[in-house]
Amino acid sequence: VGIYGWRKRCLYFFVLLLLVTMIVNLAMTIWILKVMNFTV
């Protein structure tokens, strides 16, 4: 029972793509906060 073969590889690829997108988004947000000198 489960996902095997090419479906499993596609699922792992999309999870990895989502993780990379989240890391880039977080890095860009921190960079914008630093460049624009956001404070409390």
All heavy atoms as atom14 arrays in JSON, in Angstrom:
{
  "sequence": "VGIYGWRKRCLYFFVLLLLVTMIVNLAMTIWILKVMNFTV",
  "atom14_mask": [
    [1, 1, 1, 1, 1, 1, 1, 0, 0, 0, 0, 0, 0, 0],
    [1, 1, 1, 1, 0, 0, 0, 0, 0, 0, 0, 0, 0, 0],
    [1, 1, 1, 1, 1, 1, 1, 1, 0, 0, 0, 0, 0, 0],
    [1, 1, 1, 1, 1, 1, 1, 1, 1, 1, 1, 1, 0, 0],
    [1, 1, 1, 1, 0, 0, 0, 0, 0, 0, 0, 0, 0, 0],
    [1, 1, 1, 1, 1, 1, 1, 1, 1, 1, 1, 1, 1, 1],
    [1, 1, 1, 1, 1, 1, 1, 1, 1, 1, 1, 0, 0, 0],
    [1, 1, 1, 1, 1, 1, 1, 1, 1, 0, 0, 0, 0, 0],
    [1, 1, 1, 1, 1, 1, 1, 1, 1, 1, 1, 0, 0, 0],
    [1, 1, 1, 1, 1, 1, 0, 0, 0, 0, 0, 0, 0, 0],
    [1, 1, 1, 1, 1, 1, 1, 1, 0, 0, 0, 0, 0, 0],
    [1, 1, 1, 1, 1, 1, 1, 1, 1, 1, 1, 1, 0, 0],
    [1, 1, 1, 1, 1, 1, 1, 1, 1, 1, 1, 0, 0, 0],
    [1, 1, 1, 1, 1, 1, 1, 1, 1, 1, 1, 0, 0, 0],
    [1, 1, 1, 1, 1, 1, 1, 0, 0, 0, 0, 0, 0, 0],
    [1, 1, 1, 1, 1, 1, 1, 1, 0, 0, 0, 0, 0, 0],
    [1, 1, 1, 1, 1, 1, 1, 1, 0, 0, 0, 0, 0, 0],
    [1, 1, 1, 1, 1, 1, 1, 1, 0, 0, 0, 0, 0, 0],
    [1, 1, 1, 1, 1, 1, 1, 1, 0, 0, 0, 0, 0, 0],
    [1, 1, 1, 1, 1, 1, 1, 0, 0, 0, 0, 0, 0, 0],
    [1, 1, 1, 1, 1, 1, 1, 0, 0, 0, 0, 0, 0, 0],
    [1, 1, 1, 1, 1, 1, 1, 1, 0, 0, 0, 0, 0, 0],
    [1, 1, 1, 1, 1, 1, 1, 1, 0, 0, 0, 0, 0, 0],
    [1, 1, 1, 1, 1, 1, 1, 0, 0, 0, 0, 0, 0, 0],
    [1, 1, 1, 1, 1, 1, 1, 1, 0, 0, 0, 0, 0, 0],
    [1, 1, 1, 1, 1, 1, 1, 1, 0, 0, 0, 0, 0, 0],
    [1, 1, 1, 1, 1, 0, 0, 0, 0, 0, 0, 0, 0, 0],
    [1, 1, 1, 1, 1, 1, 1, 1, 0, 0, 0, 0, 0, 0],
    [1, 1, 1, 1, 1, 1, 1, 0, 0, 0, 0, 0, 0, 0],
    [1, 1, 1, 1, 1, 1, 1, 1, 0, 0, 0, 0, 0, 0],
    [1, 1, 1, 1, 1, 1, 1, 1, 1, 1, 1, 1, 1, 1],
    [1, 1, 1, 1, 1, 1, 1, 1, 0, 0, 0, 0, 0, 0],
    [1, 1, 1, 1, 1, 1, 1, 1, 0, 0, 0, 0, 0, 0],
    [1, 1, 1, 1, 1, 1, 1, 1, 1, 0, 0, 0, 0, 0],
    [1, 1, 1, 1, 1, 1, 1, 0, 0, 0, 0, 0, 0, 0],
    [1, 1, 1, 1, 1, 1, 1, 1, 0, 0, 0, 0, 0, 0],
    [1, 1, 1, 1, 1, 1, 1, 1, 0, 0, 0, 0, 0, 0],
    [1, 1, 1, 1, 1, 1, 1, 1, 1, 1, 1, 0, 0, 0],
    [1, 1, 1, 1, 1, 1, 1, 0, 0, 0, 0, 0, 0, 0],
    [1, 1, 1, 1, 1, 1, 1, 0, 0, 0, 0, 0, 0, 0]
  ],
  "atom14_positions": [
    [[0.87, -1.17, 0.0], [0.0, 0.0, 0.0], [0.91, 1.24, 0.0], [1.81, 1.34, 0.81], [-0.91, 0.01, 1.24], [-1.77, 1.25, 1.27], [-1.77, -1.24, 1.26], [0.0, 0.0, 0.0], [0.0, 0.0, 0.0], [0.0, 0.0, 0.0], [0.0, 0.0, 0.0], [0.0, 0.0, 0.0], [0.0, 0.0, 0.0], [0.0, 0.0, 0.0]],
    [[0.67, 2.19, -0.9], [1.48, 3.4, -0.95], [1.78, 3.81, -2.37], [1.19, 3.32, -3.33], [0.0, 0.0, 0.0], [0.0, 0.0, 0.0], [0.0, 0.0, 0.0], [0.0, 0.0, 0.0], [0.0, 0.0, 0.0], [0.0, 0.0, 0.0], [0.0, 0.0, 0.0], [0.0, 0.0, 0.0], [0.0, 0.0, 0.0], [0.0, 0.0, 0.0]],
    [[2.74, 4.76, -2.48], [3.12, 5.29, -3.78], [4.5, 4.76, -4.11], [5.44, 4.9, -3.33], [3.11, 6.84, -3.75], [1.73, 7.35, -3.38], [3.54, 7.41, -5.09], [1.68, 8.84, -3.17], [0.0, 0.0, 0.0], [0.0, 0.0, 0.0], [0.0, 0.0, 0.0], [0.0, 0.0, 0.0], [0.0, 0.0, 0.0], [0.0, 0.0, 0.0]],
    [[4.62, 4.17, -5.3], [5.89, 3.58, -5.71], [6.2, 3.99, -7.13], [5.33, 4.44, -7.88], [5.83, 2.05, -5.61], [5.71, 1.57, -4.19], [4.48, 1.25, -3.66], [6.84, 1.46, -3.39], [4.38, 0.84, -2.35], [6.74, 1.05, -2.08], [5.5, 0.73, -1.56], [5.4, 0.33, -0.28], [0.0, 0.0, 0.0], [0.0, 0.0, 0.0]],
    [[7.46, 3.91, -7.48], [7.87, 4.15, -8.85], [8.01, 5.63, -9.17], [8.47, 6.43, -8.36], [0.0, 0.0, 0.0], [0.0, 0.0, 0.0], [0.0, 0.0, 0.0], [0.0, 0.0, 0.0], [0.0, 0.0, 0.0], [0.0, 0.0, 0.0], [0.0, 0.0, 0.0], [0.0, 0.0, 0.0], [0.0, 0.0, 0.0], [0.0, 0.0, 0.0]],
    [[7.63, 5.99, -10.39], [7.81, 7.38, -10.86], [6.93, 8.35, -10.07], [7.28, 9.51, -9.93], [7.53, 7.47, -12.36], [6.1, 7.16, -12.75], [5.57, 5.95, -13.04], [5.05, 8.11, -12.85], [4.24, 6.07, -13.31], [3.89, 7.4, -13.21], [4.96, 9.48, -12.67], [2.67, 8.01, -13.4], [3.74, 10.09, -12.87], [2.59, 9.35, -13.24]],
    [[5.79, 7.89, -9.54], [4.94, 8.78, -8.74], [5.66, 9.2, -7.46], [5.56, 10.34, -7.02], [3.63, 8.08, -8.41], [2.76, 7.84, -9.61], [1.44, 7.19, -9.19], [0.68, 6.81, -10.33], [0.47, 5.55, -10.72], [0.99, 4.57, -10.01], [-0.22, 5.3, -11.79], [0.0, 0.0, 0.0], [0.0, 0.0, 0.0], [0.0, 0.0, 0.0]],
    [[6.36, 8.24, -6.86], [7.1, 8.53, -5.64], [8.23, 9.52, -5.92], [8.45, 10.46, -5.15], [7.65, 7.23, -5.06], [8.3, 7.38, -3.72], [8.72, 5.99, -3.22], [9.25, 6.04, -1.82], [9.63, 4.7, -1.36], [0.0, 0.0, 0.0], [0.0, 0.0, 0.0], [0.0, 0.0, 0.0], [0.0, 0.0, 0.0], [0.0, 0.0, 0.0]],
    [[8.93, 9.36, -7.03], [10.0, 10.28, -7.38], [9.46, 11.69, -7.64], [10.07, 12.68, -7.23], [10.74, 9.77, -8.61], [11.58, 8.55, -8.32], [12.44, 8.17, -9.51], [13.02, 6.85, -9.3], [12.63, 5.74, -9.89], [11.64, 5.78, -10.76], [13.2, 4.6, -9.61], [0.0, 0.0, 0.0], [0.0, 0.0, 0.0], [0.0, 0.0, 0.0]],
    [[8.32, 11.81, -8.33], [7.71, 13.13, -8.57], [7.28, 13.78, -7.26], [7.45, 15.0, -7.07], [6.5, 12.99, -9.5], [6.96, 12.71, -11.21], [0.0, 0.0, 0.0], [0.0, 0.0, 0.0], [0.0, 0.0, 0.0], [0.0, 0.0, 0.0], [0.0, 0.0, 0.0], [0.0, 0.0, 0.0], [0.0, 0.0, 0.0], [0.0, 0.0, 0.0]],
    [[6.72, 13.0, -6.36], [6.32, 13.55, -5.06], [7.54, 14.07, -4.3], [7.49, 15.18, -3.76], [5.59, 12.48, -4.24], [5.11, 12.92, -2.86], [4.05, 13.99, -2.99], [4.6, 11.73, -2.08], [0.0, 0.0, 0.0], [0.0, 0.0, 0.0], [0.0, 0.0, 0.0], [0.0, 0.0, 0.0], [0.0, 0.0, 0.0], [0.0, 0.0, 0.0]],
    [[8.63, 13.32, -4.27], [9.84, 13.78, -3.61], [10.4, 15.04, -4.28], [10.89, 15.96, -3.62], [10.9, 12.68, -3.59], [10.63, 11.58, -2.59], [11.14, 10.3, -2.78], [9.88, 11.82, -1.45], [10.9, 9.3, -1.87], [9.64, 10.82, -0.53], [10.14, 9.56, -0.74], [9.9, 8.59, 0.16], [0.0, 0.0, 0.0], [0.0, 0.0, 0.0]],
    [[10.34, 15.1, -5.62], [10.81, 16.28, -6.34], [9.99, 17.52, -5.96], [10.55, 18.59, -5.7], [10.74, 16.03, -7.85], [11.04, 17.24, -8.66], [12.34, 17.72, -8.78], [10.02, 17.93, -9.31], [12.62, 18.86, -9.52], [10.29, 19.06, -10.05], [11.59, 19.52, -10.16], [0.0, 0.0, 0.0], [0.0, 0.0, 0.0], [0.0, 0.0, 0.0]],
    [[8.67, 17.38, -5.9], [7.83, 18.53, -5.55], [8.03, 18.96, -4.09], [8.01, 20.15, -3.78], [6.36, 18.23, -5.83], [6.02, 18.25, -7.28], [5.38, 17.18, -7.88], [6.35, 19.34, -8.07], [5.07, 17.2, -9.22], [6.04, 19.38, -9.42], [5.4, 18.3, -10.0], [0.0, 0.0, 0.0], [0.0, 0.0, 0.0], [0.0, 0.0, 0.0]],
    [[8.24, 18.01, -3.19], [8.52, 18.36, -1.79], [9.86, 19.09, -1.7], [9.99, 20.1, -0.99], [8.5, 17.1, -0.9], [9.06, 17.39, 0.48], [7.08, 16.56, -0.79], [0.0, 0.0, 0.0], [0.0, 0.0, 0.0], [0.0, 0.0, 0.0], [0.0, 0.0, 0.0], [0.0, 0.0, 0.0], [0.0, 0.0, 0.0], [0.0, 0.0, 0.0]],
    [[10.87, 18.61, -2.43], [12.17, 19.28, -2.44], [12.07, 20.67, -3.05], [12.65, 21.64, -2.53], [13.18, 18.42, -3.21], [14.61, 18.95, -3.26], [15.21, 18.96, -1.86], [15.45, 18.12, -4.21], [0.0, 0.0, 0.0], [0.0, 0.0, 0.0], [0.0, 0.0, 0.0], [0.0, 0.0, 0.0], [0.0, 0.0, 0.0], [0.0, 0.0, 0.0]],
    [[11.3, 20.84, -4.13], [11.1, 22.14, -4.76], [10.39, 23.1, -3.81], [10.75, 24.28, -3.69], [10.29, 21.98, -6.06], [10.06, 23.24, -6.88], [11.39, 23.74, -7.43], [9.08, 22.96, -7.99], [0.0, 0.0, 0.0], [0.0, 0.0, 0.0], [0.0, 0.0, 0.0], [0.0, 0.0, 0.0], [0.0, 0.0, 0.0], [0.0, 0.0, 0.0]],
    [[9.39, 22.62, -3.08], [8.68, 23.44, -2.09], [9.63, 23.86, -0.97], [9.61, 25.02, -0.54], [7.49, 22.66, -1.52], [6.66, 23.39, -0.49], [5.98, 24.6, -1.1], [5.62, 22.44, 0.1], [0.0, 0.0, 0.0], [0.0, 0.0, 0.0], [0.0, 0.0, 0.0], [0.0, 0.0, 0.0], [0.0, 0.0, 0.0], [0.0, 0.0, 0.0]],
    [[10.49, 22.97, -0.51], [11.45, 23.3, 0.54], [12.45, 24.36, 0.07], [12.72, 25.32, 0.79], [12.18, 22.02, 0.98], [13.18, 22.18, 2.12], [12.46, 22.56, 3.4], [13.97, 20.9, 2.29], [0.0, 0.0, 0.0], [0.0, 0.0, 0.0], [0.0, 0.0, 0.0], [0.0, 0.0, 0.0], [0.0, 0.0, 0.0], [0.0, 0.0, 0.0]],
    [[12.95, 24.23, -1.15], [13.89, 25.22, -1.68], [13.2, 26.57, -1.83], [13.76, 27.63, -1.5], [14.48, 24.73, -3.03], [15.21, 25.84, -3.76], [15.39, 23.55, -2.81], [0.0, 0.0, 0.0], [0.0, 0.0, 0.0], [0.0, 0.0, 0.0], [0.0, 0.0, 0.0], [0.0, 0.0, 0.0], [0.0, 0.0, 0.0], [0.0, 0.0, 0.0]],
    [[11.97, 26.58, -2.32], [11.21, 27.83, -2.46], [11.0, 28.5, -1.12], [11.13, 29.73, -0.99], [9.85, 27.56, -3.14], [10.08, 26.89, -4.38], [9.1, 28.85, -3.4], [0.0, 0.0, 0.0], [0.0, 0.0, 0.0], [0.0, 0.0, 0.0], [0.0, 0.0, 0.0], [0.0, 0.0, 0.0], [0.0, 0.0, 0.0], [0.0, 0.0, 0.0]],
    [[10.68, 27.74, -0.09], [10.48, 28.31, 1.25], [11.78, 28.9, 1.79], [11.78, 29.99, 2.38], [9.94, 27.24, 2.21], [8.49, 26.92, 1.98], [7.79, 25.59, 3.0], [8.83, 25.46, 4.37], [0.0, 0.0, 0.0], [0.0, 0.0, 0.0], [0.0, 0.0, 0.0], [0.0, 0.0, 0.0], [0.0, 0.0, 0.0], [0.0, 0.0, 0.0]],
    [[12.9, 28.23, 1.58], [14.18, 28.74, 2.07], [14.56, 30.02, 1.34], [15.0, 31.0, 1.96], [15.27, 27.65, 1.93], [15.01, 26.52, 2.93], [16.67, 28.24, 2.14], [15.89, 25.31, 2.73], [0.0, 0.0, 0.0], [0.0, 0.0, 0.0], [0.0, 0.0, 0.0], [0.0, 0.0, 0.0], [0.0, 0.0, 0.0], [0.0, 0.0, 0.0]],
    [[14.37, 30.07, 0.02], [14.67, 31.29, -0.74], [13.75, 32.43, -0.3], [14.19, 33.57, -0.13], [14.56, 31.02, -2.26], [14.58, 32.32, -3.06], [15.67, 30.1, -2.72], [0.0, 0.0, 0.0], [0.0, 0.0, 0.0], [0.0, 0.0, 0.0], [0.0, 0.0, 0.0], [0.0, 0.0, 0.0], [0.0, 0.0, 0.0], [0.0, 0.0, 0.0]],
    [[12.48, 32.14, -0.08], [11.53, 33.15, 0.37], [11.93, 33.7, 1.74], [11.91, 34.93, 1.96], [10.13, 32.55, 0.42], [9.06, 33.59, 0.64], [9.32, 34.78, 0.62], [7.84, 33.13, 0.87], [0.0, 0.0, 0.0], [0.0, 0.0, 0.0], [0.0, 0.0, 0.0], [0.0, 0.0, 0.0], [0.0, 0.0, 0.0], [0.0, 0.0, 0.0]],
    [[12.31, 32.86, 2.65], [12.74, 33.3, 3.98], [14.03, 34.13, 3.88], [14.14, 35.18, 4.54], [12.96, 32.09, 4.88], [13.39, 32.38, 6.32], [12.29, 33.15, 7.04], [13.71, 31.11, 7.05], [0.0, 0.0, 0.0], [0.0, 0.0, 0.0], [0.0, 0.0, 0.0], [0.0, 0.0, 0.0], [0.0, 0.0, 0.0], [0.0, 0.0, 0.0]],
    [[14.96, 33.7, 3.05], [16.21, 34.47, 2.88], [15.94, 35.84, 2.28], [16.5, 36.84, 2.71], [17.19, 33.68, 2.01], [0.0, 0.0, 0.0], [0.0, 0.0, 0.0], [0.0, 0.0, 0.0], [0.0, 0.0, 0.0], [0.0, 0.0, 0.0], [0.0, 0.0, 0.0], [0.0, 0.0, 0.0], [0.0, 0.0, 0.0], [0.0, 0.0, 0.0]],
    [[15.06, 35.92, 1.28], [14.72, 37.22, 0.67], [14.01, 38.12, 1.67], [14.25, 39.33, 1.71], [13.83, 37.0, -0.56], [14.54, 36.35, -1.72], [15.8, 37.39, -2.43], [14.8, 38.53, -3.32], [0.0, 0.0, 0.0], [0.0, 0.0, 0.0], [0.0, 0.0, 0.0], [0.0, 0.0, 0.0], [0.0, 0.0, 0.0], [0.0, 0.0, 0.0]],
    [[13.14, 37.57, 2.5], [12.44, 38.37, 3.51], [13.43, 38.94, 4.52], [13.37, 40.12, 4.87], [11.38, 37.52, 4.22], [10.48, 36.99, 3.25], [10.62, 38.33, 5.24], [0.0, 0.0, 0.0], [0.0, 0.0, 0.0], [0.0, 0.0, 0.0], [0.0, 0.0, 0.0], [0.0, 0.0, 0.0], [0.0, 0.0, 0.0], [0.0, 0.0, 0.0]],
    [[14.36, 38.13, 4.99], [15.37, 38.6, 5.94], [16.26, 39.66, 5.28], [16.59, 40.67, 5.89], [16.2, 37.41, 6.48], [15.31, 36.54, 7.37], [17.42, 37.89, 7.23], [15.94, 35.24, 7.78], [0.0, 0.0, 0.0], [0.0, 0.0, 0.0], [0.0, 0.0, 0.0], [0.0, 0.0, 0.0], [0.0, 0.0, 0.0], [0.0, 0.0, 0.0]],
    [[16.62, 39.46, 4.02], [17.45, 40.44, 3.31], [16.71, 41.77, 3.16], [17.29, 42.83, 3.39], [17.82, 39.88, 1.94], [18.64, 40.82, 1.12], [19.95, 41.14, 1.31], [18.18, 41.59, 0.01], [20.34, 42.06, 0.36], [19.28, 42.35, -0.46], [16.97, 41.69, -0.66], [19.17, 43.2, -1.54], [16.86, 42.53, -1.74], [17.97, 43.29, -2.16]],
    [[15.43, 41.75, 2.81], [14.65, 42.98, 2.67], [14.54, 43.69, 4.02], [14.67, 44.91, 4.11], [13.25, 42.68, 2.07], [13.39, 42.32, 0.59], [12.31, 43.87, 2.24], [12.13, 41.84, -0.05], [0.0, 0.0, 0.0], [0.0, 0.0, 0.0], [0.0, 0.0, 0.0], [0.0, 0.0, 0.0], [0.0, 0.0, 0.0], [0.0, 0.0, 0.0]],
    [[14.3, 42.94, 5.09], [14.22, 43.55, 6.42], [15.54, 44.21, 6.79], [15.56, 45.29, 7.39], [13.85, 42.5, 7.46], [12.43, 41.96, 7.42], [12.27, 40.83, 8.42], [11.42, 43.05, 7.69], [0.0, 0.0, 0.0], [0.0, 0.0, 0.0], [0.0, 0.0, 0.0], [0.0, 0.0, 0.0], [0.0, 0.0, 0.0], [0.0, 0.0, 0.0]],
    [[16.65, 43.59, 6.43], [17.96, 44.16, 6.76], [18.27, 45.38, 5.9], [18.75, 46.4, 6.41], [19.04, 43.09, 6.59], [20.41, 43.54, 7.01], [21.35, 42.36, 7.05], [22.74, 42.75, 7.43], [22.87, 43.27, 8.75], [0.0, 0.0, 0.0], [0.0, 0.0, 0.0], [0.0, 0.0, 0.0], [0.0, 0.0, 0.0], [0.0, 0.0, 0.0]],
    [[18.01, 45.32, 4.61], [18.31, 46.43, 3.71], [17.43, 47.64, 4.01], [17.89, 48.78, 4.02], [18.15, 45.98, 2.23], [18.16, 47.17, 1.3], [19.25, 45.01, 1.86], [0.0, 0.0, 0.0], [0.0, 0.0, 0.0], [0.0, 0.0, 0.0], [0.0, 0.0, 0.0], [0.0, 0.0, 0.0], [0.0, 0.0, 0.0], [0.0, 0.0, 0.0]],
    [[16.15, 47.42, 4.28], [15.23, 48.52, 4.55], [15.33, 49.01, 6.0], [14.66, 49.96, 6.37], [13.78, 48.09, 4.27], [13.52, 47.76, 2.82], [13.79, 49.13, 1.72], [12.41, 50.14, 2.12], [0.0, 0.0, 0.0], [0.0, 0.0, 0.0], [0.0, 0.0, 0.0], [0.0, 0.0, 0.0], [0.0, 0.0, 0.0], [0.0, 0.0, 0.0]],
    [[16.15, 48.37, 6.8], [16.39, 48.77, 8.19], [15.09, 48.76, 9.01], [14.78, 49.7, 9.72], [17.07, 50.14, 8.23], [17.71, 50.4, 9.57], [17.8, 49.51, 10.41], [18.14, 51.62, 9.79], [0.0, 0.0, 0.0], [0.0, 0.0, 0.0], [0.0, 0.0, 0.0], [0.0, 0.0, 0.0], [0.0, 0.0, 0.0], [0.0, 0.0, 0.0]],
    [[14.32, 47.7, 8.87], [13.11, 47.54, 9.67], [13.5, 47.26, 11.11], [14.38, 46.46, 11.39], [12.28, 46.35, 9.18], [11.38, 46.67, 8.04], [11.7, 46.3, 6.76], [10.19, 47.34, 8.26], [10.88, 46.58, 5.71], [9.35, 47.62, 7.21], [9.7, 47.24, 5.93], [0.0, 0.0, 0.0], [0.0, 0.0, 0.0], [0.0, 0.0, 0.0]],
    [[12.83, 47.96, 12.03], [13.0, 47.7, 13.45], [11.63, 47.68, 14.1], [10.62, 47.9, 13.43], [13.88, 48.78, 14.12], [13.23, 50.04, 13.99], [15.26, 48.85, 13.51], [0.0, 0.0, 0.0], [0.0, 0.0, 0.0], [0.0, 0.0, 0.0], [0.0, 0.0, 0.0], [0.0, 0.0, 0.0], [0.0, 0.0, 0.0], [0.0, 0.0, 0.0]],
    [[11.59, 47.47, 15.39], [10.33, 47.5, 16.11], [9.76, 48.91, 16.14], [8.55, 49.11, 16.13], [10.54, 46.97, 17.55], [9.27, 47.04, 18.36], [11.06, 45.54, 17.51], [0.0, 0.0, 0.0], [0.0, 0.0, 0.0], [0.0, 0.0, 0.0], [0.0, 0.0, 0.0], [0.0, 0.0, 0.0], [0.0, 0.0, 0.0], [0.0, 0.0, 0.0]]
  ]
}
